[in-house]
């Protein structure tokens, strides 16, 4: 998740409170104010007496020409770097992001934050917010912290639905309530993930749990922020997963609890063009995939020819990272 630092210099309790309520990751304050910040909330402080010390843990480098970019890259290899620019901003940041430098860009408005977060479709590692207006700070925090990515979802045609017998399945309870057409991307292979609907639909069997996705077996992959995947068995409280809707809008969600139990399982096989993909889910009418129109499709009612949404990508995965490699998964 992209980091948001907020400069509060001179110290202002209202700005600090706004930053904490908006989910700021660190506050930069004058010497002697770290304890006052921590009395208001648990957060990293950047100060001479803080958790991170300017000049030691955090460097500031002014970029006036291309020659200064090398200094930023070297400093970034040792720690975090706040990038200062003069009369040009975007080009230096593009060059630094392209070179893999984890930099913090200064922003003073929502427009600045959007620009920094969209550099080369990847964005900077973090932003340092510099504004004295609580409302503007709140807007910037919302813009960055709730930024979403868009994953292209495609319709896949059901080929086979088959009971498998007993096995373990994983329920992922998040700190986010999901609505119709929303859930998590899950699959047996990381190249193709099915949109598994959250338990947010009214039904006569159990009360809706809009925070939960009955996702699949422990070995299944799920999409996480930063373009990575994890096995469902790896998830634990405090981790982040991606919550996606039927149009591909995807946002991070915090895992609150992971529950694994033995249940009857079902294999779903689908075709996307010439490629086939599978997902295993619990064999129950309350488990649903998502149709191309955003509607829920109970897995027990699926039949060959039906369409559900999937996310596909090329390449393979190594410890959750995307790589270019020839690999076959069945």
C-alpha atoms as a PDB file:
ATOM      1  CA  UNK A   1       0.000   0.000   0.000  1.00  0.00           C
ATOM      2  CA  UNK A   2       1.264   3.457  -0.874  1.00  0.00           C
ATOM      3  CA  UNK A   3       2.553   5.395   2.144  1.00  0.00           C
ATOM      4  CA  UNK A   4       1.173   8.786   3.171  1.00  0.00           C
ATOM      5  CA  UNK A   5       3.335  11.015   5.354  1.00  0.00           C
ATOM      6  CA  UNK A   6       1.997  14.322   6.659  1.00  0.00           C
ATOM      7  CA  UNK A   7       4.129  17.309   7.649  1.00  0.00           C
ATOM      8  CA  UNK A   8       2.691  19.122  10.688  1.00  0.00           C
ATOM      9  CA  UNK A   9       5.174  21.916  11.266  1.00  0.00           C
ATOM     10  CA  UNK A  10       4.336  24.004  13.199  1.00  0.00           C
ATOM     11  CA  UNK A  11       2.460  21.527  15.383  1.00  0.00           C
ATOM     12  CA  UNK A  12      -1.331  21.645  15.040  1.00  0.00           C
ATOM     13  CA  UNK A  13      -3.479  19.227  17.039  1.00  0.00           C
ATOM     14  CA  UNK A  14      -6.389  19.454  14.589  1.00  0.00           C
ATOM     15  CA  UNK A  15      -4.148  18.557  11.643  1.00  0.00           C
ATOM     16  CA  UNK A  16      -2.655  15.657  13.608  1.00  0.00           C
ATOM     17  CA  UNK A  17      -6.116  14.331  14.473  1.00  0.00           C
ATOM     18  CA  UNK A  18      -7.267  14.645  10.851  1.00  0.00           C
ATOM     19  CA  UNK A  19      -4.154  12.788   9.698  1.00  0.00           C
ATOM     20  CA  UNK A  20      -4.670   9.982  12.201  1.00  0.00           C
ATOM     21  CA  UNK A  21      -8.367   9.579  11.374  1.00  0.00           C
ATOM     22  CA  UNK A  22      -7.531   9.489   7.651  1.00  0.00           C
ATOM     23  CA  UNK A  23      -5.015   6.666   8.034  1.00  0.00           C
ATOM     24  CA  UNK A  24      -1.714   8.553   7.671  1.00  0.00           C
ATOM     25  CA  UNK A  25       1.307   6.253   7.979  1.00  0.00           C
ATOM     26  CA  UNK A  26       3.709   8.780   9.489  1.00  0.00           C
ATOM     27  CA  UNK A  27       3.730  12.353  10.778  1.00  0.00           C
ATOM     28  CA  UNK A  28       6.665  14.746  10.381  1.00  0.00           C
ATOM     29  CA  UNK A  29       6.710  17.097  13.362  1.00  0.00           C
ATOM     30  CA  UNK A  30       9.152  19.497  15.041  1.00  0.00           C
ATOM     31  CA  UNK A  31      11.540  18.341  17.768  1.00  0.00           C
ATOM     32  CA  UNK A  32       9.823  17.715  21.081  1.00  0.00           C
ATOM     33  CA  UNK A  33       6.383  16.867  19.649  1.00  0.00           C
ATOM     34  CA  UNK A  34       6.645  13.115  18.991  1.00  0.00           C
ATOM     35  CA  UNK A  35       5.175  12.200  22.380  1.00  0.00           C
ATOM     36  CA  UNK A  36       2.256  14.595  21.855  1.00  0.00           C
ATOM     37  CA  UNK A  37       1.477  12.838  18.575  1.00  0.00           C
ATOM     38  CA  UNK A  38       1.673   9.386  20.164  1.00  0.00           C
ATOM     39  CA  UNK A  39      -0.670  10.509  22.924  1.00  0.00           C
ATOM     40  CA  UNK A  40      -3.303  10.999  20.228  1.00  0.00           C
ATOM     41  CA  UNK A  41      -2.717   7.784  18.275  1.00  0.00           C
ATOM     42  CA  UNK A  42      -0.280   5.005  17.460  1.00  0.00           C
ATOM     43  CA  UNK A  43       1.684   6.197  14.420  1.00  0.00           C
ATOM     44  CA  UNK A  44       5.265   6.559  13.191  1.00  0.00           C
ATOM     45  CA  UNK A  45       6.807   9.969  13.825  1.00  0.00           C
ATOM     46  CA  UNK A  46       9.523  11.645  11.772  1.00  0.00           C
ATOM     47  CA  UNK A  47      11.446  14.110  13.921  1.00  0.00           C
ATOM     48  CA  UNK A  48      14.839  14.582  15.612  1.00  0.00           C
ATOM     49  CA  UNK A  49      13.352  12.677  18.578  1.00  0.00           C
ATOM     50  CA  UNK A  50      11.004  10.511  16.500  1.00  0.00           C
ATOM     51  CA  UNK A  51      10.883   6.937  15.251  1.00  0.00           C
ATOM     52  CA  UNK A  52      12.559   8.044  12.017  1.00  0.00           C
ATOM     53  CA  UNK A  53      15.228  10.730  12.193  1.00  0.00           C
ATOM     54  CA  UNK A  54      15.624  13.175   9.272  1.00  0.00           C
ATOM     55  CA  UNK A  55      19.108  13.004   7.806  1.00  0.00           C
ATOM     56  CA  UNK A  56      19.626   9.522   9.249  1.00  0.00           C
ATOM     57  CA  UNK A  57      16.611   7.366   8.397  1.00  0.00           C
ATOM     58  CA  UNK A  58      15.028   9.765   5.902  1.00  0.00           C
ATOM     59  CA  UNK A  59      16.971  11.807   3.359  1.00  0.00           C
ATOM     60  CA  UNK A  60      15.843  14.866   1.408  1.00  0.00           C
ATOM     61  CA  UNK A  61      17.331  15.479  -2.027  1.00  0.00           C
ATOM     62  CA  UNK A  62      16.614  18.434  -4.285  1.00  0.00           C
ATOM     63  CA  UNK A  63      16.443  17.547  -7.973  1.00  0.00           C
ATOM     64  CA  UNK A  64      17.413  20.464 -10.197  1.00  0.00           C
ATOM     65  CA  UNK A  65      18.791  18.490 -13.142  1.00  0.00           C
ATOM     66  CA  UNK A  66      19.250  14.925 -14.386  1.00  0.00           C
ATOM     67  CA  UNK A  67      22.595  14.802 -12.570  1.00  0.00           C
ATOM     68  CA  UNK A  68      20.779  14.967  -9.244  1.00  0.00           C
ATOM     69  CA  UNK A  69      18.751  11.841 -10.017  1.00  0.00           C
ATOM     70  CA  UNK A  70      21.780   9.639  -9.378  1.00  0.00           C
ATOM     71  CA  UNK A  71      22.027  11.032  -5.846  1.00  0.00           C
ATOM     72  CA  UNK A  72      18.380  10.121  -5.238  1.00  0.00           C
ATOM     73  CA  UNK A  73      18.872   6.557  -6.493  1.00  0.00           C
ATOM     74  CA  UNK A  74      21.907   6.082  -4.224  1.00  0.00           C
ATOM     75  CA  UNK A  75      20.092   7.533  -1.221  1.00  0.00           C
ATOM     76  CA  UNK A  76      17.054   5.331  -1.935  1.00  0.00           C
ATOM     77  CA  UNK A  77      19.262   2.235  -1.713  1.00  0.00           C
ATOM     78  CA  UNK A  78      19.974   3.169   1.935  1.00  0.00           C
ATOM     79  CA  UNK A  79      16.531   4.364   3.056  1.00  0.00           C
ATOM     80  CA  UNK A  80      13.572   6.530   2.199  1.00  0.00           C
ATOM     81  CA  UNK A  81      14.086   9.721   0.208  1.00  0.00           C
ATOM     82  CA  UNK A  82      11.909  12.818   0.068  1.00  0.00           C
ATOM     83  CA  UNK A  83      12.315  14.325  -3.383  1.00  0.00           C
ATOM     84  CA  UNK A  84      12.342  18.095  -3.648  1.00  0.00           C
ATOM     85  CA  UNK A  85      11.948  19.636  -7.110  1.00  0.00           C
ATOM     86  CA  UNK A  86      12.304  23.174  -8.409  1.00  0.00           C
ATOM     87  CA  UNK A  87      10.295  24.251 -11.447  1.00  0.00           C
ATOM     88  CA  UNK A  88       9.670  20.815 -12.968  1.00  0.00           C
ATOM     89  CA  UNK A  89       8.123  17.834 -11.238  1.00  0.00           C
ATOM     90  CA  UNK A  90       6.740  15.018 -13.358  1.00  0.00           C
ATOM     91  CA  UNK A  91       9.794  14.190 -15.509  1.00  0.00           C
ATOM     92  CA  UNK A  92      12.190  13.657 -12.553  1.00  0.00           C
ATOM     93  CA  UNK A  93       9.631  11.458 -10.793  1.00  0.00           C
ATOM     94  CA  UNK A  94       9.081   9.421 -13.958  1.00  0.00           C
ATOM     95  CA  UNK A  95      12.826   8.867 -14.302  1.00  0.00           C
ATOM     96  CA  UNK A  96      13.182   7.836 -10.651  1.00  0.00           C
ATOM     97  CA  UNK A  97      10.197   5.474 -10.696  1.00  0.00           C
ATOM     98  CA  UNK A  98      11.520   3.928 -13.923  1.00  0.00           C
ATOM     99  CA  UNK A  99      14.831   3.259 -12.158  1.00  0.00           C
ATOM    100  CA  UNK A 100      13.076   1.542  -9.267  1.00  0.00           C
ATOM    101  CA  UNK A 101      13.809   4.178  -6.621  1.00  0.00           C
ATOM    102  CA  UNK A 102      11.397   4.190  -3.655  1.00  0.00           C
ATOM    103  CA  UNK A 103      10.830   7.902  -3.277  1.00  0.00           C
ATOM    104  CA  UNK A 104       8.446  10.168  -1.386  1.00  0.00           C
ATOM    105  CA  UNK A 105       7.014  13.052  -3.403  1.00  0.00           C
ATOM    106  CA  UNK A 106       5.847  16.298  -1.822  1.00  0.00           C
ATOM    107  CA  UNK A 107       2.193  17.115  -2.554  1.00  0.00           C
ATOM    108  CA  UNK A 108      -0.039  19.980  -1.500  1.00  0.00           C
ATOM    109  CA  UNK A 109      -3.326  19.162  -3.204  1.00  0.00           C
ATOM    110  CA  UNK A 110      -5.500  16.310  -4.404  1.00  0.00           C
ATOM    111  CA  UNK A 111      -4.360  17.026  -7.984  1.00  0.00           C
ATOM    112  CA  UNK A 112      -0.697  16.735  -6.946  1.00  0.00           C
ATOM    113  CA  UNK A 113      -1.417  13.464  -5.145  1.00  0.00           C
ATOM    114  CA  UNK A 114      -3.220  11.964  -8.164  1.00  0.00           C
ATOM    115  CA  UNK A 115      -0.320  12.903 -10.423  1.00  0.00           C
ATOM    116  CA  UNK A 116       2.308  11.404  -8.103  1.00  0.00           C
ATOM    117  CA  UNK A 117       0.301   8.190  -7.647  1.00  0.00           C
ATOM    118  CA  UNK A 118      -0.153   7.768 -11.396  1.00  0.00           C
ATOM    119  CA  UNK A 119       3.450   8.219 -12.513  1.00  0.00           C
ATOM    120  CA  UNK A 120       4.191   5.567 -15.183  1.00  0.00           C
ATOM    121  CA  UNK A 121       0.983   3.737 -14.105  1.00  0.00           C
ATOM    122  CA  UNK A 122       2.865   2.665 -10.985  1.00  0.00           C
ATOM    123  CA  UNK A 123       3.318   5.756  -8.879  1.00  0.00           C
ATOM    124  CA  UNK A 124       5.772   6.803  -6.216  1.00  0.00           C
ATOM    125  CA  UNK A 125       6.383   4.778  -3.060  1.00  0.00           C
ATOM    126  CA  UNK A 126       4.826   7.492  -0.946  1.00  0.00           C
ATOM    127  CA  UNK A 127       3.736  11.102  -0.673  1.00  0.00           C
ATOM    128  CA  UNK A 128       4.528  13.793   1.885  1.00  0.00           C
ATOM    129  CA  UNK A 129       1.452  15.968   2.327  1.00  0.00           C
ATOM    130  CA  UNK A 130       2.124  19.634   3.007  1.00  0.00           C
ATOM    131  CA  UNK A 131      -1.077  21.586   3.666  1.00  0.00           C
ATOM    132  CA  UNK A 132      -2.447  23.538   6.600  1.00  0.00           C
ATOM    133  CA  UNK A 133      -6.061  22.935   5.596  1.00  0.00           C
ATOM    134  CA  UNK A 134      -7.685  19.971   7.412  1.00  0.00           C
ATOM    135  CA  UNK A 135     -10.319  19.533   4.675  1.00  0.00           C
ATOM    136  CA  UNK A 136      -7.690  19.378   1.922  1.00  0.00           C
ATOM    137  CA  UNK A 137      -5.642  16.943   4.003  1.00  0.00           C
ATOM    138  CA  UNK A 138      -8.705  14.735   4.440  1.00  0.00           C
ATOM    139  CA  UNK A 139      -9.330  14.752   0.671  1.00  0.00           C
ATOM    140  CA  UNK A 140      -5.708  13.856  -0.103  1.00  0.00           C
ATOM    141  CA  UNK A 141      -5.696  11.002   2.399  1.00  0.00           C
ATOM    142  CA  UNK A 142      -8.942   9.646   0.951  1.00  0.00           C
ATOM    143  CA  UNK A 143      -7.600   9.976  -2.586  1.00  0.00           C
ATOM    144  CA  UNK A 144      -4.408   8.046  -1.854  1.00  0.00           C
ATOM    145  CA  UNK A 145      -5.592   5.557   0.752  1.00  0.00           C
ATOM    146  CA  UNK A 146      -8.732   4.571  -1.118  1.00  0.00           C
ATOM    147  CA  UNK A 147      -7.185   4.652  -4.557  1.00  0.00           C
ATOM    148  CA  UNK A 148      -8.261   1.692  -6.644  1.00  0.00           C
ATOM    149  CA  UNK A 149      -6.785  -0.226  -9.484  1.00  0.00           C
ATOM    150  CA  UNK A 150      -8.732  -1.566 -12.420  1.00  0.00           C
ATOM    151  CA  UNK A 151      -8.355  -5.222 -13.382  1.00  0.00           C
ATOM    152  CA  UNK A 152      -9.816  -6.261 -16.729  1.00  0.00           C
ATOM    153  CA  UNK A 153     -12.355  -9.011 -16.094  1.00  0.00           C
ATOM    154  CA  UNK A 154     -13.471 -11.294 -18.916  1.00  0.00           C
ATOM    155  CA  UNK A 155     -16.438 -13.654 -19.338  1.00  0.00           C
ATOM    156  CA  UNK A 156     -15.528 -17.328 -19.133  1.00  0.00           C
ATOM    157  CA  UNK A 157     -17.817 -20.141 -20.293  1.00  0.00           C
ATOM    158  CA  UNK A 158     -18.534 -22.943 -17.844  1.00  0.00           C
ATOM    159  CA  UNK A 159     -17.384 -26.317 -19.201  1.00  0.00           C
ATOM    160  CA  UNK A 160     -17.836 -28.609 -16.218  1.00  0.00           C
ATOM    161  CA  UNK A 161     -19.106 -28.566 -12.619  1.00  0.00           C
ATOM    162  CA  UNK A 162     -18.246 -31.677 -10.619  1.00  0.00           C
ATOM    163  CA  UNK A 163     -18.477 -32.708  -6.909  1.00  0.00           C
ATOM    164  CA  UNK A 164     -15.099 -33.724  -5.461  1.00  0.00           C
ATOM    165  CA  UNK A 165     -15.764 -34.959  -1.935  1.00  0.00           C
ATOM    166  CA  UNK A 166     -14.414 -33.578   1.332  1.00  0.00           C
ATOM    167  CA  UNK A 167     -11.548 -31.146   1.810  1.00  0.00           C
ATOM    168  CA  UNK A 168     -10.574 -27.957   3.588  1.00  0.00           C
ATOM    169  CA  UNK A 169     -11.970 -24.608   2.522  1.00  0.00           C
ATOM    170  CA  UNK A 170     -10.978 -21.135   3.667  1.00  0.00           C
ATOM    171  CA  UNK A 171     -13.360 -18.324   4.645  1.00  0.00           C
ATOM    172  CA  UNK A 172     -11.727 -14.880   4.556  1.00  0.00           C
ATOM    173  CA  UNK A 173     -13.384 -12.327   6.844  1.00  0.00           C
ATOM    174  CA  UNK A 174     -12.315  -8.807   5.937  1.00  0.00           C
ATOM    175  CA  UNK A 175     -12.686  -5.392   7.560  1.00  0.00           C
ATOM    176  CA  UNK A 176     -14.715  -4.278   4.519  1.00  0.00           C
ATOM    177  CA  UNK A 177     -18.399  -4.773   3.780  1.00  0.00           C
ATOM    178  CA  UNK A 178     -19.023  -5.848   0.187  1.00  0.00           C
ATOM    179  CA  UNK A 179     -22.153  -5.484  -1.913  1.00  0.00           C
ATOM    180  CA  UNK A 180     -23.641  -7.212  -4.944  1.00  0.00           C
ATOM    181  CA  UNK A 181     -21.084  -7.993  -7.622  1.00  0.00           C
ATOM    182  CA  UNK A 182     -18.148  -7.743  -5.212  1.00  0.00           C
ATOM    183  CA  UNK A 183     -15.801 -10.384  -3.886  1.00  0.00           C
ATOM    184  CA  UNK A 184     -12.277 -11.768  -4.170  1.00  0.00           C
ATOM    185  CA  UNK A 185     -10.334 -13.159  -7.125  1.00  0.00           C
ATOM    186  CA  UNK A 186      -9.503 -16.827  -6.495  1.00  0.00           C
ATOM    187  CA  UNK A 187      -8.211 -19.681  -8.635  1.00  0.00           C
ATOM    188  CA  UNK A 188      -6.273 -22.925  -8.787  1.00  0.00           C
ATOM    189  CA  UNK A 189      -3.659 -21.227 -10.991  1.00  0.00           C
ATOM    190  CA  UNK A 190      -2.506 -17.627 -10.725  1.00  0.00           C
ATOM    191  CA  UNK A 191      -2.953 -17.036 -14.465  1.00  0.00           C
ATOM    192  CA  UNK A 192      -6.751 -17.163 -14.178  1.00  0.00           C
ATOM    193  CA  UNK A 193      -8.679 -16.114 -11.083  1.00  0.00           C
ATOM    194  CA  UNK A 194     -12.460 -16.350 -10.692  1.00  0.00           C
ATOM    195  CA  UNK A 195     -14.440 -13.571  -9.011  1.00  0.00           C
ATOM    196  CA  UNK A 196     -15.927 -15.341  -5.969  1.00  0.00           C
ATOM    197  CA  UNK A 197     -18.869 -13.369  -4.572  1.00  0.00           C
ATOM    198  CA  UNK A 198     -18.988 -12.175  -0.979  1.00  0.00           C
ATOM    199  CA  UNK A 199     -21.644 -13.620   1.324  1.00  0.00           C
ATOM    200  CA  UNK A 200     -23.682 -10.427   1.003  1.00  0.00           C
ATOM    201  CA  UNK A 201     -26.778 -11.898  -0.669  1.00  0.00           C
ATOM    202  CA  UNK A 202     -29.992 -12.444   1.298  1.00  0.00           C
ATOM    203  CA  UNK A 203     -30.937 -16.127   1.473  1.00  0.00           C
ATOM    204  CA  UNK A 204     -33.203 -18.368   3.590  1.00  0.00           C
ATOM    205  CA  UNK A 205     -30.329 -20.447   5.012  1.00  0.00           C
ATOM    206  CA  UNK A 206     -27.953 -18.085   6.837  1.00  0.00           C
ATOM    207  CA  UNK A 207     -27.755 -14.373   7.623  1.00  0.00           C
ATOM    208  CA  UNK A 208     -25.685 -12.335   5.138  1.00  0.00           C
ATOM    209  CA  UNK A 209     -22.074 -11.731   6.097  1.00  0.00           C
ATOM    210  CA  UNK A 210     -21.039  -8.977   3.667  1.00  0.00           C
ATOM    211  CA  UNK A 211     -17.508  -8.900   5.072  1.00  0.00           C
ATOM    212  CA  UNK A 212     -16.862 -12.574   4.199  1.00  0.00           C
ATOM    213  CA  UNK A 213     -15.765 -14.452   1.105  1.00  0.00           C
ATOM    214  CA  UNK A 214     -16.011 -18.238   1.261  1.00  0.00           C
ATOM    215  CA  UNK A 215     -13.026 -18.346  -1.029  1.00  0.00           C
ATOM    216  CA  UNK A 216     -11.821 -21.890  -1.646  1.00  0.00           C
ATOM    217  CA  UNK A 217      -9.228 -24.473  -0.586  1.00  0.00           C
ATOM    218  CA  UNK A 218      -5.912 -23.649   1.135  1.00  0.00           C
ATOM    219  CA  UNK A 219      -3.817 -24.104  -2.031  1.00  0.00           C
ATOM    220  CA  UNK A 220      -5.823 -21.601  -4.093  1.00  0.00           C
ATOM    221  CA  UNK A 221      -4.348 -18.268  -5.097  1.00  0.00           C
ATOM    222  CA  UNK A 222      -5.927 -14.903  -4.385  1.00  0.00           C
ATOM    223  CA  UNK A 223      -4.963 -11.470  -5.664  1.00  0.00           C
ATOM    224  CA  UNK A 224      -3.309  -9.049  -3.215  1.00  0.00           C
ATOM    225  CA  UNK A 225      -2.229  -5.391  -3.549  1.00  0.00           C
ATOM    226  CA  UNK A 226       0.880  -4.578  -5.539  1.00  0.00           C
ATOM    227  CA  UNK A 227       0.116  -7.060  -8.297  1.00  0.00           C
ATOM    228  CA  UNK A 228       1.006 -10.052  -6.118  1.00  0.00           C
ATOM    229  CA  UNK A 229      -0.811 -13.248  -5.196  1.00  0.00           C
ATOM    230  CA  UNK A 230      -0.916 -15.336  -2.034  1.00  0.00           C
ATOM    231  CA  UNK A 231      -2.143 -18.796  -1.177  1.00  0.00           C
ATOM    232  CA  UNK A 232      -5.307 -18.656   0.900  1.00  0.00           C
ATOM    233  CA  UNK A 233      -3.438 -20.696   3.523  1.00  0.00           C
ATOM    234  CA  UNK A 234      -0.927 -17.834   3.900  1.00  0.00           C
ATOM    235  CA  UNK A 235      -3.488 -15.207   4.872  1.00  0.00           C
ATOM    236  CA  UNK A 236      -3.720 -14.028   8.467  1.00  0.00           C
ATOM    237  CA  UNK A 237      -5.283 -11.178  10.435  1.00  0.00           C
ATOM    238  CA  UNK A 238      -3.748  -7.866   9.405  1.00  0.00           C
ATOM    239  CA  UNK A 239      -2.842  -8.971   5.875  1.00  0.00           C
ATOM    240  CA  UNK A 240      -4.325  -7.254   2.840  1.00  0.00           C
ATOM    241  CA  UNK A 241      -6.265  -8.756  -0.053  1.00  0.00           C
ATOM    242  CA  UNK A 242      -7.869  -7.161  -3.086  1.00  0.00           C
ATOM    243  CA  UNK A 243     -11.635  -6.783  -3.149  1.00  0.00           C
ATOM    244  CA  UNK A 244     -12.943  -6.469  -6.718  1.00  0.00           C
ATOM    245  CA  UNK A 245     -16.305  -5.668  -8.222  1.00  0.00           C
ATOM    246  CA  UNK A 246     -17.809  -7.003 -11.455  1.00  0.00           C
ATOM    247  CA  UNK A 247     -16.427  -4.046 -13.438  1.00  0.00           C
ATOM    248  CA  UNK A 248     -12.866  -4.735 -12.280  1.00  0.00           C
ATOM    249  CA  UNK A 249     -12.583  -1.910  -9.745  1.00  0.00           C
ATOM    250  CA  UNK A 250     -10.301  -3.309  -7.050  1.00  0.00           C
ATOM    251  CA  UNK A 251      -9.351  -1.896  -3.650  1.00  0.00           C
ATOM    252  CA  UNK A 252      -7.284  -3.231  -0.735  1.00  0.00           C
ATOM    253  CA  UNK A 253      -9.121  -4.776   2.208  1.00  0.00           C
ATOM    254  CA  UNK A 254      -7.673  -5.779   5.567  1.00  0.00           C
ATOM    255  CA  UNK A 255      -8.080  -9.395   6.672  1.00  0.00           C
ATOM    256  CA  UNK A 256      -9.716  -9.638  10.073  1.00  0.00           C
ATOM    257  CA  UNK A 257      -9.937 -13.423  10.430  1.00  0.00           C
ATOM    258  CA  UNK A 258      -9.294 -16.562   8.400  1.00  0.00           C
ATOM    259  CA  UNK A 259     -11.422 -19.639   9.100  1.00  0.00           C
ATOM    260  CA  UNK A 260     -10.556 -23.069   7.681  1.00  0.00           C
ATOM    261  CA  UNK A 261     -12.914 -26.062   7.966  1.00  0.00           C
ATOM    262  CA  UNK A 262     -13.581 -29.378   6.223  1.00  0.00           C
ATOM    263  CA  UNK A 263     -16.496 -29.161   3.806  1.00  0.00           C
ATOM    264  CA  UNK A 264     -17.709 -30.891   0.598  1.00  0.00           C
ATOM    265  CA  UNK A 265     -15.989 -29.356  -2.416  1.00  0.00           C
ATOM    266  CA  UNK A 266     -16.906 -28.648  -6.024  1.00  0.00           C
ATOM    267  CA  UNK A 267     -14.698 -28.287  -9.110  1.00  0.00           C
ATOM    268  CA  UNK A 268     -15.645 -25.564 -11.599  1.00  0.00           C
ATOM    269  CA  UNK A 269     -13.943 -25.661 -14.996  1.00  0.00           C
ATOM    270  CA  UNK A 270     -14.310 -22.825 -17.503  1.00  0.00           C
ATOM    271  CA  UNK A 271     -12.947 -21.810 -20.898  1.00  0.00           C
ATOM    272  CA  UNK A 272     -11.609 -18.366 -21.869  1.00  0.00           C
ATOM    273  CA  UNK A 273     -10.836 -18.446 -25.581  1.00  0.00           C
ATOM    274  CA  UNK A 274      -8.513 -21.435 -26.040  1.00  0.00           C
ATOM    275  CA  UNK A 275      -7.494 -21.527 -22.385  1.00  0.00           C
ATOM    276  CA  UNK A 276      -9.158 -23.563 -19.651  1.00  0.00           C
ATOM    277  CA  UNK A 277      -9.052 -22.726 -15.956  1.00  0.00           C
ATOM    278  CA  UNK A 278     -10.437 -24.179 -12.749  1.00  0.00           C
ATOM    279  CA  UNK A 279     -11.436 -23.140  -9.271  1.00  0.00           C
ATOM    280  CA  UNK A 280     -12.476 -25.313  -6.346  1.00  0.00           C
ATOM    281  CA  UNK A 281     -15.138 -24.005  -3.974  1.00  0.00           C
ATOM    282  CA  UNK A 282     -17.366 -25.335  -1.228  1.00  0.00           C
ATOM    283  CA  UNK A 283     -20.312 -27.329  -2.553  1.00  0.00           C
ATOM    284  CA  UNK A 284     -23.121 -25.164  -1.158  1.00  0.00           C
ATOM    285  CA  UNK A 285     -25.880 -23.015  -2.623  1.00  0.00           C
ATOM    286  CA  UNK A 286     -24.632 -19.929  -0.744  1.00  0.00           C
ATOM    287  CA  UNK A 287     -21.289 -19.967  -2.616  1.00  0.00           C
ATOM    288  CA  UNK A 288     -21.486 -17.815  -5.718  1.00  0.00           C
ATOM    289  CA  UNK A 289     -19.413 -16.672  -8.654  1.00  0.00           C
ATOM    290  CA  UNK A 290     -20.228 -13.451 -10.523  1.00  0.00           C
ATOM    291  CA  UNK A 291     -21.999 -13.185 -13.876  1.00  0.00           C
ATOM    292  CA  UNK A 292     -20.935 -10.650 -16.555  1.00  0.00           C
ATOM    293  CA  UNK A 293     -23.826  -8.379 -15.557  1.00  0.00           C
ATOM    294  CA  UNK A 294     -22.696  -8.330 -11.925  1.00  0.00           C
ATOM    295  CA  UNK A 295     -25.334 -10.718 -10.678  1.00  0.00           C
ATOM    296  CA  UNK A 296     -24.486 -13.641  -8.362  1.00  0.00           C
ATOM    297  CA  UNK A 297     -24.454 -17.197  -9.711  1.00  0.00           C
ATOM    298  CA  UNK A 298     -24.775 -20.007  -7.151  1.00  0.00           C
ATOM    299  CA  UNK A 299     -22.183 -22.697  -7.886  1.00  0.00           C
ATOM    300  CA  UNK A 300     -24.705 -25.498  -7.373  1.00  0.00           C
ATOM    301  CA  UNK A 301     -26.829 -24.073 -10.197  1.00  0.00           C
ATOM    302  CA  UNK A 302     -24.016 -23.576 -12.724  1.00  0.00           C
ATOM    303  CA  UNK A 303     -24.271 -25.518 -15.979  1.00  0.00           C
ATOM    304  CA  UNK A 304     -22.122 -25.800 -19.124  1.00  0.00           C
ATOM    305  CA  UNK A 305     -22.587 -22.718 -21.268  1.00  0.00           C
ATOM    306  CA  UNK A 306     -23.132 -20.325 -18.361  1.00  0.00           C
ATOM    307  CA  UNK A 307     -20.795 -17.300 -18.157  1.00  0.00           C
ATOM    308  CA  UNK A 308     -18.849 -16.049 -15.127  1.00  0.00           C
ATOM    309  CA  UNK A 309     -16.188 -13.381 -14.692  1.00  0.00           C
ATOM    310  CA  UNK A 310     -12.468 -14.121 -14.447  1.00  0.00           C
ATOM    311  CA  UNK A 311      -9.204 -12.191 -14.390  1.00  0.00           C
ATOM    312  CA  UNK A 312      -6.438 -13.526 -16.614  1.00  0.00           C
ATOM    313  CA  UNK A 313      -2.788 -12.613 -17.080  1.00  0.00           C
ATOM    314  CA  UNK A 314       0.207 -13.898 -19.004  1.00  0.00           C
ATOM    315  CA  UNK A 315       3.377 -15.257 -17.430  1.00  0.00           C
ATOM    316  CA  UNK A 316       3.871 -17.209 -14.219  1.00  0.00           C
ATOM    317  CA  UNK A 317       4.395 -16.577 -10.520  1.00  0.00           C
ATOM    318  CA  UNK A 318       7.359 -17.201  -8.238  1.00  0.00           C
ATOM    319  CA  UNK A 319       6.614 -16.700  -4.523  1.00  0.00           C
ATOM    320  CA  UNK A 320       3.710 -14.463  -5.516  1.00  0.00           C
ATOM    321  CA  UNK A 321       5.706 -12.275  -7.913  1.00  0.00           C
ATOM    322  CA  UNK A 322       4.870 -12.174 -11.606  1.00  0.00           C
ATOM    323  CA  UNK A 323       7.660 -13.555 -13.823  1.00  0.00           C
ATOM    324  CA  UNK A 324       8.163 -14.407 -17.464  1.00  0.00           C
ATOM    325  CA  UNK A 325       8.609 -18.160 -17.547  1.00  0.00           C
ATOM    326  CA  UNK A 326       7.241 -21.170 -19.394  1.00  0.00           C
ATOM    327  CA  UNK A 327       5.068 -23.094 -16.967  1.00  0.00           C
ATOM    328  CA  UNK A 328       2.129 -25.480 -17.178  1.00  0.00           C
ATOM    329  CA  UNK A 329      -0.497 -25.746 -14.468  1.00  0.00           C
ATOM    330  CA  UNK A 330      -3.473 -28.148 -14.641  1.00  0.00           C
END
